[in-house]
Amino acid sequence: MSVETVKLATIINTVMPEVHHVLRTEELNAFIVLRNGIQNLDKHDVLEIVEATINNAKRSAIYH
């Protein structure tokens, strides 16, 4: 099993470039650890990663 760390932007540009425009820079710059490499990801996997990244970004947001 190989482990690879890549930015979400790299994953999006490789697997689902059509959703790039809906993500914020903060989300696109998030580092993602992949167990089996980027080549084994499908669209469903990417959507799960995007969802988790957005939820993580929401937790660190400060609301007024």
N, C-alpha and C. Protein backbone atom coordinates (compact mmCIF):
# COMPACT_ATOMS: atom_id res chain seq x y z
N MET A 1 0.85 -1.17 0.00
CA MET A 1 0.00 0.00 0.00
C MET A 1 0.89 1.24 0.00
N SER A 2 0.66 2.11 -0.98
CA SER A 2 1.42 3.36 -1.04
C SER A 2 0.58 4.50 -0.48
N VAL A 3 1.24 5.42 0.20
CA VAL A 3 0.58 6.59 0.76
C VAL A 3 1.10 7.81 0.02
N GLU A 4 0.18 8.68 -0.34
CA GLU A 4 0.52 9.85 -1.14
C GLU A 4 -0.23 11.05 -0.55
N THR A 5 0.46 12.17 -0.42
CA THR A 5 -0.17 13.41 0.05
C THR A 5 -0.23 14.39 -1.11
N VAL A 6 -1.44 14.85 -1.42
CA VAL A 6 -1.64 15.80 -2.52
C VAL A 6 -2.64 16.87 -2.10
N LYS A 7 -2.60 17.99 -2.79
CA LYS A 7 -3.60 19.03 -2.55
C LYS A 7 -4.92 18.61 -3.19
N LEU A 8 -6.01 19.04 -2.60
CA LEU A 8 -7.32 18.74 -3.16
C LEU A 8 -7.42 19.25 -4.59
N ALA A 9 -6.80 20.36 -4.90
CA ALA A 9 -6.82 20.90 -6.26
C ALA A 9 -6.29 19.90 -7.28
N THR A 10 -5.25 19.17 -6.90
CA THR A 10 -4.68 18.16 -7.80
C THR A 10 -5.68 17.04 -8.05
N ILE A 11 -6.36 16.62 -7.00
CA ILE A 11 -7.37 15.56 -7.13
C ILE A 11 -8.50 16.04 -8.02
N ILE A 12 -8.98 17.25 -7.76
CA ILE A 12 -10.09 17.80 -8.53
C ILE A 12 -9.70 17.94 -10.00
N ASN A 13 -8.55 18.50 -10.27
CA ASN A 13 -8.12 18.70 -11.66
C ASN A 13 -7.92 17.39 -12.41
N THR A 14 -7.60 16.34 -11.68
CA THR A 14 -7.36 15.04 -12.31
C THR A 14 -8.65 14.25 -12.54
N VAL A 15 -9.55 14.26 -11.56
CA VAL A 15 -10.72 13.37 -11.60
C VAL A 15 -12.01 14.11 -11.97
N MET A 16 -12.22 15.30 -11.40
CA MET A 16 -13.49 16.02 -11.60
C MET A 16 -13.27 17.52 -11.81
N PRO A 17 -12.62 17.91 -12.89
CA PRO A 17 -12.34 19.34 -13.08
C PRO A 17 -13.60 20.20 -13.17
N GLU A 18 -14.72 19.61 -13.45
CA GLU A 18 -15.96 20.38 -13.59
C GLU A 18 -16.45 20.99 -12.27
N VAL A 19 -15.93 20.54 -11.13
CA VAL A 19 -16.36 21.10 -9.84
C VAL A 19 -15.35 22.08 -9.26
N HIS A 20 -14.26 22.31 -9.96
CA HIS A 20 -13.21 23.20 -9.46
C HIS A 20 -13.75 24.58 -9.12
N HIS A 21 -14.64 25.11 -9.92
CA HIS A 21 -15.12 26.48 -9.73
C HIS A 21 -16.02 26.67 -8.50
N VAL A 22 -16.51 25.61 -7.91
CA VAL A 22 -17.40 25.76 -6.75
C VAL A 22 -16.65 25.68 -5.42
N LEU A 23 -15.38 25.40 -5.47
CA LEU A 23 -14.59 25.28 -4.24
C LEU A 23 -13.76 26.54 -4.00
N ARG A 24 -13.61 26.86 -2.72
CA ARG A 24 -12.81 28.02 -2.34
C ARG A 24 -11.33 27.66 -2.36
N THR A 25 -10.51 28.67 -2.43
CA THR A 25 -9.05 28.48 -2.44
C THR A 25 -8.59 27.72 -1.21
N GLU A 26 -9.16 28.04 -0.06
CA GLU A 26 -8.81 27.35 1.19
C GLU A 26 -9.05 25.84 1.06
N GLU A 27 -10.16 25.48 0.48
CA GLU A 27 -10.49 24.06 0.29
C GLU A 27 -9.57 23.41 -0.73
N LEU A 28 -9.32 24.10 -1.83
CA LEU A 28 -8.45 23.55 -2.88
C LEU A 28 -7.02 23.36 -2.40
N ASN A 29 -6.59 24.16 -1.44
CA ASN A 29 -5.22 24.06 -0.92
C ASN A 29 -5.08 23.05 0.22
N ALA A 30 -6.18 22.42 0.61
CA ALA A 30 -6.12 21.42 1.68
C ALA A 30 -5.32 20.21 1.23
N PHE A 31 -4.49 19.70 2.13
CA PHE A 31 -3.71 18.50 1.83
C PHE A 31 -4.54 17.27 2.17
N ILE A 32 -4.54 16.31 1.27
CA ILE A 32 -5.29 15.08 1.40
C ILE A 32 -4.31 13.91 1.35
N VAL A 33 -4.44 12.98 2.28
CA VAL A 33 -3.60 11.78 2.29
C VAL A 33 -4.38 10.65 1.61
N LEU A 34 -3.79 10.09 0.58
CA LEU A 34 -4.42 9.00 -0.18
C LEU A 34 -3.67 7.70 0.10
N ARG A 35 -4.42 6.66 0.41
CA ARG A 35 -3.78 5.37 0.70
C ARG A 35 -3.38 4.62 -0.57
N ASN A 36 -4.17 4.72 -1.60
CA ASN A 36 -3.90 3.91 -2.80
C ASN A 36 -3.61 4.75 -4.03
N GLY A 37 -3.25 5.99 -3.84
CA GLY A 37 -2.87 6.84 -4.95
C GLY A 37 -4.05 7.47 -5.66
N ILE A 38 -3.75 8.53 -6.38
CA ILE A 38 -4.77 9.31 -7.07
C ILE A 38 -5.39 8.54 -8.24
N GLN A 39 -4.64 7.65 -8.83
CA GLN A 39 -5.12 6.91 -10.00
C GLN A 39 -6.26 5.95 -9.68
N ASN A 40 -6.45 5.63 -8.41
CA ASN A 40 -7.52 4.70 -8.02
C ASN A 40 -8.79 5.40 -7.56
N LEU A 41 -8.82 6.73 -7.63
CA LEU A 41 -10.01 7.47 -7.20
C LEU A 41 -11.05 7.52 -8.31
N ASP A 42 -12.32 7.41 -7.90
CA ASP A 42 -13.40 7.65 -8.86
C ASP A 42 -14.17 8.87 -8.38
N LYS A 43 -15.20 9.25 -9.12
CA LYS A 43 -15.95 10.46 -8.79
C LYS A 43 -16.62 10.37 -7.43
N HIS A 44 -17.10 9.21 -7.06
CA HIS A 44 -17.72 9.04 -5.75
C HIS A 44 -16.71 9.29 -4.64
N ASP A 45 -15.51 8.76 -4.79
CA ASP A 45 -14.45 8.99 -3.80
C ASP A 45 -14.15 10.48 -3.68
N VAL A 46 -14.06 11.16 -4.81
CA VAL A 46 -13.74 12.58 -4.81
C VAL A 46 -14.84 13.38 -4.12
N LEU A 47 -16.08 13.03 -4.37
CA LEU A 47 -17.18 13.73 -3.71
C LEU A 47 -17.13 13.55 -2.19
N GLU A 48 -16.76 12.37 -1.73
CA GLU A 48 -16.60 12.14 -0.29
C GLU A 48 -15.46 12.99 0.28
N ILE A 49 -14.37 13.08 -0.44
CA ILE A 49 -13.23 13.87 -0.01
C ILE A 49 -13.61 15.35 0.05
N VAL A 50 -14.32 15.83 -0.97
CA VAL A 50 -14.76 17.23 -1.02
C VAL A 50 -15.69 17.52 0.16
N GLU A 51 -16.64 16.64 0.41
CA GLU A 51 -17.56 16.82 1.52
C GLU A 51 -16.82 16.92 2.85
N ALA A 52 -15.88 16.02 3.07
CA ALA A 52 -15.11 16.03 4.32
C ALA A 52 -14.27 17.30 4.43
N THR A 53 -13.71 17.76 3.33
CA THR A 53 -12.89 18.97 3.33
C THR A 53 -13.73 20.20 3.66
N ILE A 54 -14.92 20.29 3.06
CA ILE A 54 -15.81 21.41 3.34
C ILE A 54 -16.26 21.39 4.80
N ASN A 55 -16.61 20.23 5.30
CA ASN A 55 -17.02 20.12 6.72
C ASN A 55 -15.89 20.50 7.65
N ASN A 56 -14.69 20.10 7.33
CA ASN A 56 -13.53 20.46 8.14
C ASN A 56 -13.29 21.96 8.11
N ALA A 57 -13.45 22.59 6.96
CA ALA A 57 -13.26 24.04 6.84
C ALA A 57 -14.33 24.78 7.63
N LYS A 58 -15.54 24.23 7.65
CA LYS A 58 -16.63 24.87 8.40
C LYS A 58 -16.34 24.87 9.89
N ARG A 59 -15.76 23.79 10.39
CA ARG A 59 -15.46 23.69 11.82
C ARG A 59 -14.46 24.73 12.27
N SER A 60 -13.54 25.11 11.38
CA SER A 60 -12.53 26.08 11.76
C SER A 60 -12.95 27.52 11.46
N ALA A 61 -14.13 27.71 10.90
CA ALA A 61 -14.61 29.07 10.58
C ALA A 61 -15.05 29.80 11.84
N ILE A 62 -14.83 31.08 11.84
CA ILE A 62 -15.26 31.93 12.95
C ILE A 62 -16.44 32.75 12.46
N TYR A 63 -17.55 32.63 13.17
CA TYR A 63 -18.77 33.36 12.80
C TYR A 63 -18.96 34.55 13.72
N HIS A 64 -19.48 35.64 13.18
CA HIS A 64 -19.74 36.86 13.95
C HIS A 64 -21.21 36.97 14.23
